Amino acid sequence: MGSFDFVTFFFFVAAVIIFIQLRSVLGKRTGHEHPPQDRLARRDQAPDAGGLDDPKVVTLPRRGREPAASDTFAAADAYAEPGSELNNGLREVMQADSTFDPAGFVQGGSMAYEMIVSAYAEGDRKTLKGLLSREVYDGFVAAIDEREARGETVRSNFVGIEKASIIQADMKGTEANITLRIISQLISATLDKDGEVIEGDLIEATDVNDVWTFARDTRSRDPNWRLIATEADQ
């Protein structure tokens, strides 16, 4: 019994010592403490703004650094020789559409090119409709209809794009026009209703040189560009 009392007393003393040490480190609550606040939120709050619970306070996203006047056409100058016709055209487009970037357009235009070539070969009208102007779409669909009426099919394998570059840029009213020269490799063959190759080759890749013009109304909220003209570059 005595042994039990001694052990109980020992743990009681140890608990009291630990409590005193924790209190000295953590402090004690008096009921008047301020609630924890987000330091970042306080730093962003204007000195004379209402509290966070004020219904009149609206948090707005921060604006980035305003580009300097010399930076406005930096992308155009990096892509084409300043003073050249192409550079002037790119500047004109960028003046109407501040989001336009020549290098980014080439990348996007190359992707659209591959999608359109593949969709045409497959007769995918739905994909074509979202990428082509009404006039070009009607022309592509007419060719697909004629091909299908003859019982012909196209087998196509897009190998890749060797080079793509902007060769012309201008504004026609509020419409931006960008012309790309695209050099690609394509394995393509047209087969008749009996499965015989009547045009192209099923194995050998051929070089294809195209000049495609894309357009977008800079006043529109629609960010998509559409193909408005095509021609083979000899």
Foldseek 3Di string as FASTA:
>chain_A
DVVVVVVVVVVVVVVVVVVVVVCVVPPDDDPPDDDDDDPVVVVPDDPPDDDPPPPVDDDDDDDDDDDDPVVQLVQLVVADPPPDQASVQVSQLCVLPVPDGFVVVQVVVQVLVVQCVVCLQVVPLVSQVVAADPVVSVVSNVVVVVCVVQQKHKDKDWPFWPDKHWDHWHDDDQKTKTKMWTKGKMQMFMAGNVRHTPDGHNPDIDIFIKIWMWMDRSVDPDPHIHTYDIDGDD
